[in-house]
Amino acid sequence: QVQLVESGGGLVQAGGSLRLSCAAHGRTLSIVTMAWFRQAPGKERKFLAALTWNGGIPYVTDSMKGRFSISRDNAKYTLYLQMNSLEPDDTAVYYCAARRTGTGSQYEYWGQGTQVTVSS
């Protein structure tokens, strides 16, 4: 079992930055990939970025690249999402996810989410 706990969300004005954290607990050695998603009200959940844990290889979607970056603290088993130049459209609940398998597989574990609100 893996538990994920997000933190770092809050209210920020447009153009500002936030750093989200996701701490993994439990059987963390089983994790292959950790990722960030977000879901705005009335919209589908959207994939943002992922990191393959053992190699520490980051991946950020083209739409997010340049503003968002992903990193980790291996010792703390914590995933980070650095968000810069935030826009009102970035307002959403941000979720951390993890999976025990590789590319193309389903994310099995999910955090409770952390709210990010960007004011204009």
PDB file of N, CA and C in Angstrom:
ATOM      1  N   GLN A   1       0.831  -1.177   0.000  1.00  0.00           N
ATOM      2  CA  GLN A   1       0.000   0.000   0.000  1.00  0.00           C
ATOM      3  C   GLN A   1       0.879   1.244   0.000  1.00  0.00           C
ATOM      4  N   VAL A   2       0.476   2.233  -0.780  1.00  0.00           N
ATOM      5  CA  VAL A   2       1.170   3.505  -0.868  1.00  0.00           C
ATOM      6  C   VAL A   2       0.181   4.615  -0.574  1.00  0.00           C
ATOM      7  N   GLN A   3       0.583   5.533   0.265  1.00  0.00           N
ATOM      8  CA  GLN A   3      -0.215   6.708   0.565  1.00  0.00           C
ATOM      9  C   GLN A   3       0.514   7.946   0.062  1.00  0.00           C
ATOM     10  N   LEU A   4      -0.229   8.848  -0.545  1.00  0.00           N
ATOM     11  CA  LEU A   4       0.335  10.069  -1.094  1.00  0.00           C
ATOM     12  C   LEU A   4      -0.340  11.266  -0.441  1.00  0.00           C
ATOM     13  N   VAL A   5       0.461  12.230  -0.021  1.00  0.00           N
ATOM     14  CA  VAL A   5      -0.054  13.412   0.646  1.00  0.00           C
ATOM     15  C   VAL A   5       0.497  14.644  -0.043  1.00  0.00           C
ATOM     16  N   GLU A   6      -0.399  15.430  -0.635  1.00  0.00           N
ATOM     17  CA  GLU A   6      -0.003  16.662  -1.306  1.00  0.00           C
ATOM     18  C   GLU A   6      -0.042  17.834  -0.334  1.00  0.00           C
ATOM     19  N   SER A   7       0.772  18.823  -0.620  1.00  0.00           N
ATOM     20  CA  SER A   7       0.764  20.055   0.143  1.00  0.00           C
ATOM     21  C   SER A   7       1.344  21.173  -0.720  1.00  0.00           C
ATOM     22  N   GLY A   8       1.181  22.390  -0.263  1.00  0.00           N
ATOM     23  CA  GLY A   8       1.772  23.528  -0.939  1.00  0.00           C
ATOM     24  C   GLY A   8       0.816  24.365  -1.752  1.00  0.00           C
ATOM     25  N   GLY A   9      -0.421  23.934  -1.865  1.00  0.00           N
ATOM     26  CA  GLY A   9      -1.387  24.711  -2.606  1.00  0.00           C
ATOM     27  C   GLY A   9      -1.789  25.956  -1.842  1.00  0.00           C
ATOM     28  N   GLY A  10      -2.495  26.824  -2.527  1.00  0.00           N
ATOM     29  CA  GLY A  10      -2.948  28.048  -1.903  1.00  0.00           C
ATOM     30  C   GLY A  10      -3.401  29.053  -2.918  1.00  0.00           C
ATOM     31  N   LEU A  11      -3.514  30.278  -2.472  1.00  0.00           N
ATOM     32  CA  LEU A  11      -3.948  31.383  -3.312  1.00  0.00           C
ATOM     33  C   LEU A  11      -2.737  32.196  -3.735  1.00  0.00           C
ATOM     34  N   VAL A  12      -2.644  32.457  -5.019  1.00  0.00           N
ATOM     35  CA  VAL A  12      -1.543  33.236  -5.554  1.00  0.00           C
ATOM     36  C   VAL A  12      -2.066  34.112  -6.681  1.00  0.00           C
ATOM     37  N   GLN A  13      -1.465  35.263  -6.852  1.00  0.00           N
ATOM     38  CA  GLN A  13      -1.894  36.127  -7.936  1.00  0.00           C
ATOM     39  C   GLN A  13      -1.232  35.723  -9.247  1.00  0.00           C
ATOM     40  N   ALA A  14      -1.848  36.105 -10.335  1.00  0.00           N
ATOM     41  CA  ALA A  14      -1.310  35.782 -11.647  1.00  0.00           C
ATOM     42  C   ALA A  14       0.127  36.261 -11.773  1.00  0.00           C
ATOM     43  N   GLY A  15       0.951  35.412 -12.360  1.00  0.00           N
ATOM     44  CA  GLY A  15       2.359  35.706 -12.501  1.00  0.00           C
ATOM     45  C   GLY A  15       3.217  35.172 -11.380  1.00  0.00           C
ATOM     46  N   GLY A  16       2.584  34.729 -10.322  1.00  0.00           N
ATOM     47  CA  GLY A  16       3.304  34.218  -9.182  1.00  0.00           C
ATOM     48  C   GLY A  16       3.699  32.767  -9.341  1.00  0.00           C
ATOM     49  N   SER A  17       4.279  32.227  -8.285  1.00  0.00           N
ATOM     50  CA  SER A  17       4.789  30.862  -8.299  1.00  0.00           C
ATOM     51  C   SER A  17       4.338  30.099  -7.072  1.00  0.00           C
ATOM     52  N   LEU A  18       4.245  28.799  -7.224  1.00  0.00           N
ATOM     53  CA  LEU A  18       3.983  27.890  -6.126  1.00  0.00           C
ATOM     54  C   LEU A  18       4.810  26.634  -6.326  1.00  0.00           C
ATOM     55  N   ARG A  19       5.145  26.000  -5.233  1.00  0.00           N
ATOM     56  CA  ARG A  19       5.828  24.724  -5.270  1.00  0.00           C
ATOM     57  C   ARG A  19       4.998  23.709  -4.508  1.00  0.00           C
ATOM     58  N   LEU A  20       4.476  22.742  -5.222  1.00  0.00           N
ATOM     59  CA  LEU A  20       3.684  21.694  -4.615  1.00  0.00           C
ATOM     60  C   LEU A  20       4.571  20.523  -4.224  1.00  0.00           C
ATOM     61  N   SER A  21       4.207  19.872  -3.137  1.00  0.00           N
ATOM     62  CA  SER A  21       4.931  18.707  -2.670  1.00  0.00           C
ATOM     63  C   SER A  21       3.997  17.518  -2.570  1.00  0.00           C
ATOM     64  N   CYS A  22       4.538  16.354  -2.808  1.00  0.00           N
ATOM     65  CA  CYS A  22       3.801  15.104  -2.644  1.00  0.00           C
ATOM     66  C   CYS A  22       4.710  14.127  -1.922  1.00  0.00           C
ATOM     67  N   ALA A  23       4.351  13.800  -0.709  1.00  0.00           N
ATOM     68  CA  ALA A  23       5.123  12.858   0.080  1.00  0.00           C
ATOM     69  C   ALA A  23       4.502  11.471  -0.009  1.00  0.00           C
ATOM     70  N   ALA A  24       5.314  10.485  -0.334  1.00  0.00           N
ATOM     71  CA  ALA A  24       4.855   9.108  -0.439  1.00  0.00           C
ATOM     72  C   ALA A  24       5.181   8.351   0.841  1.00  0.00           C
ATOM     73  N   HIS A  25       4.236   7.554   1.288  1.00  0.00           N
ATOM     74  CA  HIS A  25       4.396   6.757   2.494  1.00  0.00           C
ATOM     75  C   HIS A  25       3.976   5.326   2.215  1.00  0.00           C
ATOM     76  N   GLY A  26       4.462   4.417   3.022  1.00  0.00           N
ATOM     77  CA  GLY A  26       4.115   3.019   2.877  1.00  0.00           C
ATOM     78  C   GLY A  26       5.178   2.264   2.110  1.00  0.00           C
ATOM     79  N   ARG A  27       4.732   1.438   1.178  1.00  0.00           N
ATOM     80  CA  ARG A  27       5.642   0.613   0.389  1.00  0.00           C
ATOM     81  C   ARG A  27       6.200   1.411  -0.781  1.00  0.00           C
ATOM     82  N   THR A  28       7.004   2.390  -0.441  1.00  0.00           N
ATOM     83  CA  THR A  28       7.507   3.318  -1.453  1.00  0.00           C
ATOM     84  C   THR A  28       8.474   2.676  -2.434  1.00  0.00           C
ATOM     85  N   LEU A  29       9.118   1.596  -2.039  1.00  0.00           N
ATOM     86  CA  LEU A  29      10.059   0.933  -2.934  1.00  0.00           C
ATOM     87  C   LEU A  29       9.373   0.319  -4.147  1.00  0.00           C
ATOM     88  N   SER A  30       8.077   0.147  -4.071  1.00  0.00           N
ATOM     89  CA  SER A  30       7.336  -0.421  -5.191  1.00  0.00           C
ATOM     90  C   SER A  30       7.001   0.603  -6.268  1.00  0.00           C
ATOM     91  N   ILE A  31       7.192   1.865  -5.983  1.00  0.00           N
ATOM     92  CA  ILE A  31       6.819   2.925  -6.914  1.00  0.00           C
ATOM     93  C   ILE A  31       7.791   2.973  -8.092  1.00  0.00           C
ATOM     94  N   VAL A  32       7.230   2.996  -9.278  1.00  0.00           N
ATOM     95  CA  VAL A  32       8.018   3.143 -10.495  1.00  0.00           C
ATOM     96  C   VAL A  32       7.956   4.578 -11.001  1.00  0.00           C
ATOM     97  N   THR A  33       6.751   5.138 -11.014  1.00  0.00           N
ATOM     98  CA  THR A  33       6.542   6.478 -11.543  1.00  0.00           C
ATOM     99  C   THR A  33       5.634   7.272 -10.620  1.00  0.00           C
ATOM    100  N   MET A  34       5.948   8.533 -10.447  1.00  0.00           N
ATOM    101  CA  MET A  34       5.065   9.456  -9.753  1.00  0.00           C
ATOM    102  C   MET A  34       4.744  10.605 -10.697  1.00  0.00           C
ATOM    103  N   ALA A  35       3.569  11.175 -10.522  1.00  0.00           N
ATOM    104  CA  ALA A  35       3.097  12.165 -11.481  1.00  0.00           C
ATOM    105  C   ALA A  35       2.211  13.203 -10.817  1.00  0.00           C
ATOM    106  N   TRP A  36       2.002  14.284 -11.544  1.00  0.00           N
ATOM    107  CA  TRP A  36       1.068  15.328 -11.148  1.00  0.00           C
ATOM    108  C   TRP A  36      -0.042  15.451 -12.178  1.00  0.00           C
ATOM    109  N   PHE A  37      -1.254  15.575 -11.675  1.00  0.00           N
ATOM    110  CA  PHE A  37      -2.437  15.847 -12.475  1.00  0.00           C
ATOM    111  C   PHE A  37      -3.144  17.054 -11.880  1.00  0.00           C
ATOM    112  N   ARG A  38      -4.059  17.608 -12.631  1.00  0.00           N
ATOM    113  CA  ARG A  38      -4.930  18.635 -12.070  1.00  0.00           C
ATOM    114  C   ARG A  38      -6.322  18.504 -12.659  1.00  0.00           C
ATOM    115  N   GLN A  39      -7.289  19.005 -11.920  1.00  0.00           N
ATOM    116  CA  GLN A  39      -8.669  18.968 -12.375  1.00  0.00           C
ATOM    117  C   GLN A  39      -9.354  20.269 -11.983  1.00  0.00           C
ATOM    118  N   ALA A  40      -9.754  21.012 -12.983  1.00  0.00           N
ATOM    119  CA  ALA A  40     -10.510  22.232 -12.768  1.00  0.00           C
ATOM    120  C   ALA A  40     -11.988  21.889 -12.662  1.00  0.00           C
ATOM    121  N   PRO A  41     -12.772  22.737 -12.019  1.00  0.00           N
ATOM    122  CA  PRO A  41     -14.203  22.460 -11.888  1.00  0.00           C
ATOM    123  C   PRO A  41     -14.878  22.239 -13.234  1.00  0.00           C
ATOM    124  N   GLY A  42     -15.628  21.154 -13.338  1.00  0.00           N
ATOM    125  CA  GLY A  42     -16.353  20.849 -14.555  1.00  0.00           C
ATOM    126  C   GLY A  42     -15.512  20.323 -15.696  1.00  0.00           C
ATOM    127  N   LYS A  43     -14.240  20.077 -15.458  1.00  0.00           N
ATOM    128  CA  LYS A  43     -13.357  19.594 -16.510  1.00  0.00           C
ATOM    129  C   LYS A  43     -12.759  18.246 -16.149  1.00  0.00           C
ATOM    130  N   GLU A  44     -12.219  17.587 -17.169  1.00  0.00           N
ATOM    131  CA  GLU A  44     -11.577  16.297 -16.963  1.00  0.00           C
ATOM    132  C   GLU A  44     -10.227  16.469 -16.284  1.00  0.00           C
ATOM    133  N   ARG A  45      -9.826  15.436 -15.588  1.00  0.00           N
ATOM    134  CA  ARG A  45      -8.511  15.445 -14.981  1.00  0.00           C
ATOM    135  C   ARG A  45      -7.442  15.423 -16.069  1.00  0.00           C
ATOM    136  N   LYS A  46      -6.433  16.261 -15.904  1.00  0.00           N
ATOM    137  CA  LYS A  46      -5.417  16.452 -16.919  1.00  0.00           C
ATOM    138  C   LYS A  46      -4.043  16.075 -16.390  1.00  0.00           C
ATOM    139  N   PHE A  47      -3.325  15.306 -17.169  1.00  0.00           N
ATOM    140  CA  PHE A  47      -1.958  14.942 -16.834  1.00  0.00           C
ATOM    141  C   PHE A  47      -1.024  16.115 -17.071  1.00  0.00           C
ATOM    142  N   LEU A  48      -0.121  16.352 -16.127  1.00  0.00           N
ATOM    143  CA  LEU A  48       0.802  17.470 -16.228  1.00  0.00           C
ATOM    144  C   LEU A  48       2.254  17.039 -16.414  1.00  0.00           C
ATOM    145  N   ALA A  49       2.710  16.171 -15.542  1.00  0.00           N
ATOM    146  CA  ALA A  49       4.126  15.824 -15.523  1.00  0.00           C
ATOM    147  C   ALA A  49       4.327  14.537 -14.754  1.00  0.00           C
ATOM    148  N   ALA A  50       5.452  13.884 -15.007  1.00  0.00           N
ATOM    149  CA  ALA A  50       5.759  12.637 -14.324  1.00  0.00           C
ATOM    150  C   ALA A  50       7.263  12.492 -14.144  1.00  0.00           C
ATOM    151  N   LEU A  51       7.629  11.617 -13.243  1.00  0.00           N
ATOM    152  CA  LEU A  51       9.028  11.333 -12.980  1.00  0.00           C
ATOM    153  C   LEU A  51       9.185   9.847 -12.721  1.00  0.00           C
ATOM    154  N   THR A  52      10.090   9.224 -13.463  1.00  0.00           N
ATOM    155  CA  THR A  52      10.428   7.828 -13.239  1.00  0.00           C
ATOM    156  C   THR A  52      11.394   7.770 -12.076  1.00  0.00           C
ATOM    157  N   TRP A  53      11.003   7.063 -11.022  1.00  0.00           N
ATOM    158  CA  TRP A  53      11.667   7.247  -9.747  1.00  0.00           C
ATOM    159  C   TRP A  53      13.118   6.799  -9.721  1.00  0.00           C
ATOM    160  N   ASN A  54      13.384   5.597 -10.156  1.00  0.00           N
ATOM    161  CA  ASN A  54      14.736   5.067 -10.037  1.00  0.00           C
ATOM    162  C   ASN A  54      15.753   5.896 -10.803  1.00  0.00           C
ATOM    163  N   GLY A  55      15.400   6.316 -11.983  1.00  0.00           N
ATOM    164  CA  GLY A  55      16.316   7.097 -12.790  1.00  0.00           C
ATOM    165  C   GLY A  55      16.198   8.594 -12.579  1.00  0.00           C
ATOM    166  N   GLY A  56      15.130   9.020 -11.919  1.00  0.00           N
ATOM    167  CA  GLY A  56      14.903  10.434 -11.703  1.00  0.00           C
ATOM    168  C   GLY A  56      14.669  11.210 -12.984  1.00  0.00           C
ATOM    169  N   ILE A  57      14.120  10.542 -13.990  1.00  0.00           N
ATOM    170  CA  ILE A  57      13.925  11.161 -15.295  1.00  0.00           C
ATOM    171  C   ILE A  57      12.605  11.919 -15.315  1.00  0.00           C
ATOM    172  N   PRO A  58      12.655  13.229 -15.520  1.00  0.00           N
ATOM    173  CA  PRO A  58      11.416  14.005 -15.538  1.00  0.00           C
ATOM    174  C   PRO A  58      10.783  14.085 -16.914  1.00  0.00           C
ATOM    175  N   TYR A  59       9.491  14.237 -16.933  1.00  0.00           N
ATOM    176  CA  TYR A  59       8.751  14.473 -18.160  1.00  0.00           C
ATOM    177  C   TYR A  59       7.669  15.491 -17.868  1.00  0.00           C
ATOM    178  N   VAL A  60       7.595  16.500 -18.700  1.00  0.00           N
ATOM    179  CA  VAL A  60       6.570  17.525 -18.588  1.00  0.00           C
ATOM    180  C   VAL A  60       5.884  17.653 -19.934  1.00  0.00           C
ATOM    181  N   THR A  61       4.570  17.735 -19.929  1.00  0.00           N
ATOM    182  CA  THR A  61       3.831  17.863 -21.179  1.00  0.00           C
ATOM    183  C   THR A  61       4.220  19.150 -21.884  1.00  0.00           C
ATOM    184  N   ASP A  62       4.091  19.143 -23.200  1.00  0.00           N
ATOM    185  CA  ASP A  62       4.480  20.299 -23.999  1.00  0.00           C
ATOM    186  C   ASP A  62       3.729  21.555 -23.578  1.00  0.00           C
ATOM    187  N   SER A  63       2.480  21.399 -23.220  1.00  0.00           N
ATOM    188  CA  SER A  63       1.682  22.556 -22.851  1.00  0.00           C
ATOM    189  C   SER A  63       2.143  23.184 -21.538  1.00  0.00           C
ATOM    190  N   MET A  64       2.785  22.404 -20.698  1.00  0.00           N
ATOM    191  CA  MET A  64       3.243  22.890 -19.405  1.00  0.00           C
ATOM    192  C   MET A  64       4.719  23.267 -19.399  1.00  0.00           C
ATOM    193  N   LYS A  65       5.444  22.750 -20.352  1.00  0.00           N
ATOM    194  CA  LYS A  65       6.884  22.974 -20.403  1.00  0.00           C
ATOM    195  C   LYS A  65       7.189  24.461 -20.527  1.00  0.00           C
ATOM    196  N   GLY A  66       8.160  24.890 -19.748  1.00  0.00           N
ATOM    197  CA  GLY A  66       8.526  26.295 -19.727  1.00  0.00           C
ATOM    198  C   GLY A  66       7.993  27.021 -18.515  1.00  0.00           C
ATOM    199  N   ARG A  67       6.901  26.547 -17.960  1.00  0.00           N
ATOM    200  CA  ARG A  67       6.331  27.128 -16.750  1.00  0.00           C
ATOM    201  C   ARG A  67       6.380  26.172 -15.567  1.00  0.00           C
ATOM    202  N   PHE A  68       6.161  24.903 -15.841  1.00  0.00           N
ATOM    203  CA  PHE A  68       6.132  23.896 -14.787  1.00  0.00           C
ATOM    204  C   PHE A  68       7.343  22.986 -14.910  1.00  0.00           C
ATOM    205  N   SER A  69       7.853  22.556 -13.792  1.00  0.00           N
ATOM    206  CA  SER A  69       8.917  21.574 -13.768  1.00  0.00           C
ATOM    207  C   SER A  69       8.695  20.612 -12.616  1.00  0.00           C
ATOM    208  N   ILE A  70       9.245  19.428 -12.755  1.00  0.00           N
ATOM    209  CA  ILE A  70       9.044  18.390 -11.764  1.00  0.00           C
ATOM    210  C   ILE A  70      10.405  17.918 -11.252  1.00  0.00           C
ATOM    211  N   SER A  71      10.465  17.581  -9.983  1.00  0.00           N
ATOM    212  CA  SER A  71      11.696  17.098  -9.384  1.00  0.00           C
ATOM    213  C   SER A  71      11.355  16.244  -8.175  1.00  0.00           C
ATOM    214  N   ARG A  72      12.384  15.674  -7.552  1.00  0.00           N
ATOM    215  CA  ARG A  72      12.131  14.823  -6.398  1.00  0.00           C
ATOM    216  C   ARG A  72      13.261  14.934  -5.388  1.00  0.00           C
ATOM    217  N   ASP A  73      12.932  14.560  -4.171  1.00  0.00           N
ATOM    218  CA  ASP A  73      13.903  14.347  -3.117  1.00  0.00           C
ATOM    219  C   ASP A  73      13.853  12.862  -2.831  1.00  0.00           C
ATOM    220  N   ASN A  74      14.852  12.150  -3.281  1.00  0.00           N
ATOM    221  CA  ASN A  74      14.831  10.702  -3.173  1.00  0.00           C
ATOM    222  C   ASN A  74      14.825  10.230  -1.718  1.00  0.00           C
ATOM    223  N   ALA A  75      15.613  10.890  -0.878  1.00  0.00           N
ATOM    224  CA  ALA A  75      15.703  10.485   0.517  1.00  0.00           C
ATOM    225  C   ALA A  75      14.371  10.634   1.240  1.00  0.00           C
ATOM    226  N   LYS A  76      13.628  11.672   0.891  1.00  0.00           N
ATOM    227  CA  LYS A  76      12.341  11.930   1.527  1.00  0.00           C
ATOM    228  C   LYS A  76      11.176  11.288   0.792  1.00  0.00           C
ATOM    229  N   TYR A  77      11.446  10.677  -0.352  1.00  0.00           N
ATOM    230  CA  TYR A  77      10.414  10.128  -1.220  1.00  0.00           C
ATOM    231  C   TYR A  77       9.310  11.155  -1.448  1.00  0.00           C
ATOM    232  N   THR A  78       9.745  12.318  -1.871  1.00  0.00           N
ATOM    233  CA  THR A  78       8.846  13.433  -2.099  1.00  0.00           C
ATOM    234  C   THR A  78       8.991  13.942  -3.526  1.00  0.00           C
ATOM    235  N   LEU A  79       7.866  14.171  -4.154  1.00  0.00           N
ATOM    236  CA  LEU A  79       7.809  14.704  -5.501  1.00  0.00           C
ATOM    237  C   LEU A  79       7.395  16.165  -5.431  1.00  0.00           C
ATOM    238  N   TYR A  80       7.994  16.981  -6.270  1.00  0.00           N
ATOM    239  CA  TYR A  80       7.696  18.399  -6.292  1.00  0.00           C
ATOM    240  C   TYR A  80       7.193  18.821  -7.664  1.00  0.00           C
ATOM    241  N   LEU A  81       6.342  19.815  -7.663  1.00  0.00           N
ATOM    242  CA  LEU A  81       5.928  20.474  -8.891  1.00  0.00           C
ATOM    243  C   LEU A  81       6.150  21.962  -8.700  1.00  0.00           C
ATOM    244  N   GLN A  82       7.118  22.498  -9.419  1.00  0.00           N
ATOM    245  CA  GLN A  82       7.387  23.926  -9.387  1.00  0.00           C
ATOM    246  C   GLN A  82       6.562  24.590 -10.475  1.00  0.00           C
ATOM    247  N   MET A  83       5.734  25.533 -10.083  1.00  0.00           N
ATOM    248  CA  MET A  83       4.839  26.204 -11.003  1.00  0.00           C
ATOM    249  C   MET A  83       5.167  27.686 -11.016  1.00  0.00           C
ATOM    250  N   ASN A  84       5.542  28.175 -12.167  1.00  0.00           N
ATOM    251  CA  ASN A  84       5.888  29.576 -12.336  1.00  0.00           C
ATOM    252  C   ASN A  84       4.948  30.235 -13.336  1.00  0.00           C
ATOM    253  N   SER A  85       4.933  31.546 -13.309  1.00  0.00           N
ATOM    254  CA  SER A  85       4.097  32.324 -14.230  1.00  0.00           C
ATOM    255  C   SER A  85       2.666  31.822 -14.243  1.00  0.00           C
ATOM    256  N   LEU A  86       2.122  31.659 -13.074  1.00  0.00           N
ATOM    257  CA  LEU A  86       0.783  31.089 -12.954  1.00  0.00           C
ATOM    258  C   LEU A  86      -0.274  32.006 -13.547  1.00  0.00           C
ATOM    259  N   GLU A  87      -1.275  31.378 -14.106  1.00  0.00           N
ATOM    260  CA  GLU A  87      -2.383  32.062 -14.751  1.00  0.00           C
ATOM    261  C   GLU A  87      -3.690  31.633 -14.105  1.00  0.00           C
ATOM    262  N   PRO A  88      -4.737  32.441 -14.234  1.00  0.00           N
ATOM    263  CA  PRO A  88      -6.028  32.037 -13.665  1.00  0.00           C
ATOM    264  C   PRO A  88      -6.507  30.672 -14.153  1.00  0.00           C
ATOM    265  N   ASP A  89      -6.184  30.308 -15.382  1.00  0.00           N
ATOM    266  CA  ASP A  89      -6.590  29.008 -15.907  1.00  0.00           C
ATOM    267  C   ASP A  89      -5.875  27.849 -15.223  1.00  0.00           C
ATOM    268  N   ASP A  90      -4.849  28.140 -14.455  1.00  0.00           N
ATOM    269  CA  ASP A  90      -4.170  27.100 -13.690  1.00  0.00           C
ATOM    270  C   ASP A  90      -4.929  26.736 -12.423  1.00  0.00           C
ATOM    271  N   THR A  91      -5.961  27.479 -12.112  1.00  0.00           N
ATOM    272  CA  THR A  91      -6.764  27.192 -10.937  1.00  0.00           C
ATOM    273  C   THR A  91      -7.385  25.805 -11.049  1.00  0.00           C
ATOM    274  N   ALA A  92      -7.117  24.971 -10.070  1.00  0.00           N
ATOM    275  CA  ALA A  92      -7.577  23.586 -10.101  1.00  0.00           C
ATOM    276  C   ALA A  92      -7.182  22.905  -8.804  1.00  0.00           C
ATOM    277  N   VAL A  93      -7.696  21.710  -8.629  1.00  0.00           N
ATOM    278  CA  VAL A  93      -7.178  20.833  -7.598  1.00  0.00           C
ATOM    279  C   VAL A  93      -6.052  20.019  -8.214  1.00  0.00           C
ATOM    280  N   TYR A  94      -4.915  20.050  -7.595  1.00  0.00           N
ATOM    281  CA  TYR A  94      -3.746  19.345  -8.099  1.00  0.00           C
ATOM    282  C   TYR A  94      -3.560  18.046  -7.327  1.00  0.00           C
ATOM    283  N   TYR A  95      -3.403  16.962  -8.067  1.00  0.00           N
ATOM    284  CA  TYR A  95      -3.289  15.640  -7.490  1.00  0.00           C
ATOM    285  C   TYR A  95      -1.938  15.016  -7.795  1.00  0.00           C
ATOM    286  N   CYS A  96      -1.421  14.336  -6.826  1.00  0.00           N
ATOM    287  CA  CYS A  96      -0.253  13.500  -7.000  1.00  0.00           C
ATOM    288  C   CYS A  96      -0.705  12.064  -7.223  1.00  0.00           C
ATOM    289  N   ALA A  97       0.013  11.343  -8.069  1.00  0.00           N
ATOM    290  CA  ALA A  97      -0.321   9.957  -8.353  1.00  0.00           C
ATOM    291  C   ALA A  97       0.946   9.127  -8.463  1.00  0.00           C
ATOM    292  N   ALA A  98       0.798   7.828  -8.277  1.00  0.00           N
ATOM    293  CA  ALA A  98       1.922   6.908  -8.387  1.00  0.00           C
ATOM    294  C   ALA A  98       1.458   5.590  -8.971  1.00  0.00           C
ATOM    295  N   ARG A  99       2.383   4.882  -9.591  1.00  0.00           N
ATOM    296  CA  ARG A  99       2.080   3.564 -10.135  1.00  0.00           C
ATOM    297  C   ARG A  99       3.270   2.645  -9.962  1.00  0.00           C
ATOM    298  N   ARG A 100       2.996   1.360  -9.954  1.00  0.00           N
ATOM    299  CA  ARG A 100       4.038   0.350  -9.782  1.00  0.00           C
ATOM    300  C   ARG A 100       4.550  -0.187 -11.102  1.00  0.00           C
ATOM    301  N   THR A 101       3.920   0.218 -12.185  1.00  0.00           N
ATOM    302  CA  THR A 101       4.316  -0.224 -13.513  1.00  0.00           C
ATOM    303  C   THR A 101       4.733   0.967 -14.356  1.00  0.00           C
ATOM    304  N   GLY A 102       5.193   0.686 -15.574  1.00  0.00           N
ATOM    305  CA  GLY A 102       5.801   1.709 -16.397  1.00  0.00           C
ATOM    306  C   GLY A 102       4.865   2.406 -17.361  1.00  0.00           C
ATOM    307  N   THR A 103       5.449   2.897 -18.430  1.00  0.00           N
ATOM    308  CA  THR A 103       4.752   3.703 -19.420  1.00  0.00           C
ATOM    309  C   THR A 103       3.493   3.022 -19.940  1.00  0.00           C
ATOM    310  N   GLY A 104       2.420   3.784 -19.971  1.00  0.00           N
ATOM    311  CA  GLY A 104       1.165   3.288 -20.509  1.00  0.00           C
ATOM    312  C   GLY A 104       0.265   2.618 -19.501  1.00  0.00           C
ATOM    313  N   SER A 105       0.740   2.417 -18.292  1.00  0.00           N
ATOM    314  CA  SER A 105      -0.049   1.750 -17.276  1.00  0.00           C
ATOM    315  C   SER A 105      -0.871   2.752 -16.474  1.00  0.00           C
ATOM    316  N   GLN A 106      -1.799   2.233 -15.716  1.00  0.00           N
ATOM    317  CA  GLN A 106      -2.697   3.051 -14.918  1.00  0.00           C
ATOM    318  C   GLN A 106      -2.033   3.494 -13.621  1.00  0.00           C
ATOM    319  N   TYR A 107      -2.303   4.718 -13.238  1.00  0.00           N
ATOM    320  CA  TYR A 107      -1.853   5.189 -11.936  1.00  0.00           C
ATOM    321  C   TYR A 107      -2.766   4.616 -10.860  1.00  0.00           C
ATOM    322  N   GLU A 108      -2.173   3.921  -9.923  1.00  0.00           N
ATOM    323  CA  GLU A 108      -2.923   3.169  -8.930  1.00  0.00           C
ATOM    324  C   GLU A 108      -3.207   3.951  -7.661  1.00  0.00           C
ATOM    325  N   TYR A 109      -2.304   4.821  -7.295  1.00  0.00           N
ATOM    326  CA  TYR A 109      -2.391   5.521  -6.024  1.00  0.00           C
ATOM    327  C   TYR A 109      -2.561   7.009  -6.265  1.00  0.00           C
ATOM    328  N   TRP A 110      -3.429   7.600  -5.466  1.00  0.00           N
ATOM    329  CA  TRP A 110      -3.755   9.013  -5.613  1.00  0.00           C
ATOM    330  C   TRP A 110      -3.797   9.707  -4.263  1.00  0.00           C
ATOM    331  N   GLY A 111      -3.329  10.930  -4.248  1.00  0.00           N
ATOM    332  CA  GLY A 111      -3.469  11.746  -3.063  1.00  0.00           C
ATOM    333  C   GLY A 111      -4.837  12.394  -3.001  1.00  0.00           C
ATOM    334  N   GLN A 112      -5.073  13.137  -1.940  1.00  0.00           N
ATOM    335  CA  GLN A 112      -6.359  13.800  -1.743  1.00  0.00           C
ATOM    336  C   GLN A 112      -6.488  15.085  -2.544  1.00  0.00           C
ATOM    337  N   GLY A 113      -5.385  15.610  -3.014  1.00  0.00           N
ATOM    338  CA  GLY A 113      -5.397  16.828  -3.796  1.00  0.00           C
ATOM    339  C   GLY A 113      -5.114  18.063  -2.957  1.00  0.00           C
ATOM    340  N   THR A 114      -4.597  19.073  -3.608  1.00  0.00           N
ATOM    341  CA  THR A 114      -4.376  20.357  -2.973  1.00  0.00           C
ATOM    342  C   THR A 114      -4.863  21.451  -3.907  1.00  0.00           C
ATOM    343  N   GLN A 115      -5.610  22.384  -3.355  1.00  0.00           N
ATOM    344  CA  GLN A 115      -6.237  23.428  -4.160  1.00  0.00           C
ATOM    345  C   GLN A 115      -5.243  24.521  -4.498  1.00  0.00           C
ATOM    346  N   VAL A 116      -5.197  24.874  -5.767  1.00  0.00           N
ATOM    347  CA  VAL A 116      -4.425  26.018  -6.237  1.00  0.00           C
ATOM    348  C   VAL A 116      -5.399  27.002  -6.865  1.00  0.00           C
ATOM    349  N   THR A 117      -5.395  28.218  -6.376  1.00  0.00           N
ATOM    350  CA  THR A 117      -6.254  29.255  -6.908  1.00  0.00           C
ATOM    351  C   THR A 117      -5.394  30.431  -7.342  1.00  0.00           C
ATOM    352  N   VAL A 118      -5.531  30.809  -8.590  1.00  0.00           N
ATOM    353  CA  VAL A 118      -4.752  31.905  -9.151  1.00  0.00           C
ATOM    354  C   VAL A 118      -5.699  33.051  -9.461  1.00  0.00           C
ATOM    355  N   SER A 119      -5.472  34.171  -8.840  1.00  0.00           N
ATOM    356  CA  SER A 119      -6.311  35.339  -9.046  1.00  0.00           C
ATOM    357  C   SER A 119      -5.727  36.225 -10.135  1.00  0.00           C
ATOM    358  N   SER A 120      -6.596  36.928 -10.827  1.00  0.00           N
ATOM    359  CA  SER A 120      -6.159  37.811 -11.893  1.00  0.00           C
ATOM    360  C   SER A 120      -5.849  39.197 -11.364  1.00  0.00           C
TER     361      SER A 120
END
